[in-house]
C-alpha atoms as a PDB file:
ATOM      1  CA  UNK A   1      45.756  28.432 -35.559  1.00  0.00           C
ATOM      2  CA  UNK A   2      47.382  26.151 -37.538  1.00  0.00           C
ATOM      3  CA  UNK A   3      46.424  21.878 -38.526  1.00  0.00           C
ATOM      4  CA  UNK A   4      49.897  20.527 -36.585  1.00  0.00           C
ATOM      5  CA  UNK A   5      48.868  22.851 -32.961  1.00  0.00           C
ATOM      6  CA  UNK A   6      45.176  21.483 -34.056  1.00  0.00           C
ATOM      7  CA  UNK A   7      46.392  18.080 -33.304  1.00  0.00           C
ATOM      8  CA  UNK A   8      48.539  18.430 -30.731  1.00  0.00           C
ATOM      9  CA  UNK A   9      44.969  20.090 -28.666  1.00  0.00           C
ATOM     10  CA  UNK A  10      43.117  17.635 -29.730  1.00  0.00           C
ATOM     11  CA  UNK A  11      46.062  14.716 -28.555  1.00  0.00           C
ATOM     12  CA  UNK A  12      46.032  17.367 -25.229  1.00  0.00           C
ATOM     13  CA  UNK A  13      41.398  16.861 -25.407  1.00  0.00           C
ATOM     14  CA  UNK A  14      42.127  12.685 -25.508  1.00  0.00           C
ATOM     15  CA  UNK A  15      44.824  13.077 -22.871  1.00  0.00           C
ATOM     16  CA  UNK A  16      42.260  15.218 -20.027  1.00  0.00           C
ATOM     17  CA  UNK A  17      38.954  13.523 -21.559  1.00  0.00           C
ATOM     18  CA  UNK A  18      41.100   9.835 -19.769  1.00  0.00           C
ATOM     19  CA  UNK A  19      42.558  11.794 -16.717  1.00  0.00           C
ATOM     20  CA  UNK A  20      38.835  12.824 -16.296  1.00  0.00           C
ATOM     21  CA  UNK A  21      37.802   9.641 -16.976  1.00  0.00           C
ATOM     22  CA  UNK A  22      39.897   7.768 -14.263  1.00  0.00           C
ATOM     23  CA  UNK A  23      38.618  10.877 -11.858  1.00  0.00           C
ATOM     24  CA  UNK A  24      35.079  10.430 -12.357  1.00  0.00           C
ATOM     25  CA  UNK A  25      35.570   6.327 -11.594  1.00  0.00           C
ATOM     26  CA  UNK A  26      38.171   6.402  -8.198  1.00  0.00           C
ATOM     27  CA  UNK A  27      35.507   9.451  -6.803  1.00  0.00           C
ATOM     28  CA  UNK A  28      32.395   6.923  -7.518  1.00  0.00           C
ATOM     29  CA  UNK A  29      34.296   4.197  -6.102  1.00  0.00           C
ATOM     30  CA  UNK A  30      35.831   6.050  -2.970  1.00  0.00           C
ATOM     31  CA  UNK A  31      32.666   7.699  -2.279  1.00  0.00           C
ATOM     32  CA  UNK A  32      30.722   4.163  -2.025  1.00  0.00           C
ATOM     33  CA  UNK A  33      33.868   3.197   0.105  1.00  0.00           C
ATOM     34  CA  UNK A  34      32.610   6.073   1.958  1.00  0.00           C
ATOM     35  CA  UNK A  35      28.890   4.893   2.321  1.00  0.00           C
ATOM     36  CA  UNK A  36      29.152   1.715   3.383  1.00  0.00           C
ATOM     37  CA  UNK A  37      31.828   2.764   6.051  1.00  0.00           C
ATOM     38  CA  UNK A  38      29.506   5.872   7.201  1.00  0.00           C
ATOM     39  CA  UNK A  39      26.898   2.684   7.784  1.00  0.00           C
ATOM     40  CA  UNK A  40      28.965   1.595   9.966  1.00  0.00           C
ATOM     41  CA  UNK A  41      30.575   3.717  11.479  1.00  0.00           C
ATOM     42  CA  UNK A  42      29.143   7.325  11.543  1.00  0.00           C
ATOM     43  CA  UNK A  43      31.012  10.365  11.615  1.00  0.00           C
ATOM     44  CA  UNK A  44      34.646   8.264  12.302  1.00  0.00           C
ATOM     45  CA  UNK A  45      37.974   9.780  11.055  1.00  0.00           C
ATOM     46  CA  UNK A  46      38.105   7.690   8.381  1.00  0.00           C
ATOM     47  CA  UNK A  47      34.880   8.460   7.501  1.00  0.00           C
ATOM     48  CA  UNK A  48      35.585  12.217   7.520  1.00  0.00           C
ATOM     49  CA  UNK A  49      38.980  12.009   5.447  1.00  0.00           C
ATOM     50  CA  UNK A  50      37.086   9.880   2.579  1.00  0.00           C
ATOM     51  CA  UNK A  51      34.453  12.642   2.743  1.00  0.00           C
ATOM     52  CA  UNK A  52      37.579  15.350   2.096  1.00  0.00           C
ATOM     53  CA  UNK A  53      38.887  12.968  -0.979  1.00  0.00           C
ATOM     54  CA  UNK A  54      35.944  12.606  -2.296  1.00  0.00           C
ATOM     55  CA  UNK A  55      35.796  16.632  -2.337  1.00  0.00           C
ATOM     56  CA  UNK A  56      38.865  17.029  -3.712  1.00  0.00           C
ATOM     57  CA  UNK A  57      37.532  14.454  -6.219  1.00  0.00           C
ATOM     58  CA  UNK A  58      35.053  16.809  -7.057  1.00  0.00           C
ATOM     59  CA  UNK A  59      36.749  20.164  -8.187  1.00  0.00           C
ATOM     60  CA  UNK A  60      39.789  17.478  -9.482  1.00  0.00           C
ATOM     61  CA  UNK A  61      37.008  16.764 -12.230  1.00  0.00           C
ATOM     62  CA  UNK A  62      34.997  20.344 -12.228  1.00  0.00           C
ATOM     63  CA  UNK A  63      38.867  21.718 -13.031  1.00  0.00           C
ATOM     64  CA  UNK A  64      39.464  18.283 -16.142  1.00  0.00           C
ATOM     65  CA  UNK A  65      35.791  19.549 -17.247  1.00  0.00           C
ATOM     66  CA  UNK A  66      37.327  23.189 -17.282  1.00  0.00           C
ATOM     67  CA  UNK A  67      40.296  22.144 -18.990  1.00  0.00           C
ATOM     68  CA  UNK A  68      38.045  20.325 -22.018  1.00  0.00           C
ATOM     69  CA  UNK A  69      36.095  23.011 -22.092  1.00  0.00           C
ATOM     70  CA  UNK A  70      39.146  25.479 -22.891  1.00  0.00           C
ATOM     71  CA  UNK A  71      41.401  23.466 -25.593  1.00  0.00           C
ATOM     72  CA  UNK A  72      38.032  23.732 -27.107  1.00  0.00           C
ATOM     73  CA  UNK A  73      37.691  26.727 -27.359  1.00  0.00           C
ATOM     74  CA  UNK A  74      41.735  27.306 -28.524  1.00  0.00           C
ATOM     75  CA  UNK A  75      40.988  25.119 -31.104  1.00  0.00           C
ATOM     76  CA  UNK A  76      38.293  27.262 -33.325  1.00  0.00           C
END
C-alpha cells in the first residue's frame, strides 16, 4: 500500500474512533436513563424500548471496534 492510501486509511481510522466515542457516550447515557426509569417504572414500554436502544448501540459499538481492527490490518 502506498503512503497516500495509508494516510487516507489513517483519516478513516480517526473518523471511526470519533464515531465510536460518540456511540459509547450515547450508550452510557441511555443506559443511565434506563436504569433511572426502571427504578420508577420497571417493565414499562418505554423501558423496553430504551433497553432495545442500548442493545442496538452496543451492536454499533462492536461493529465500530471491528472496523478499527480491519483498518489497522489493511494498513499493514
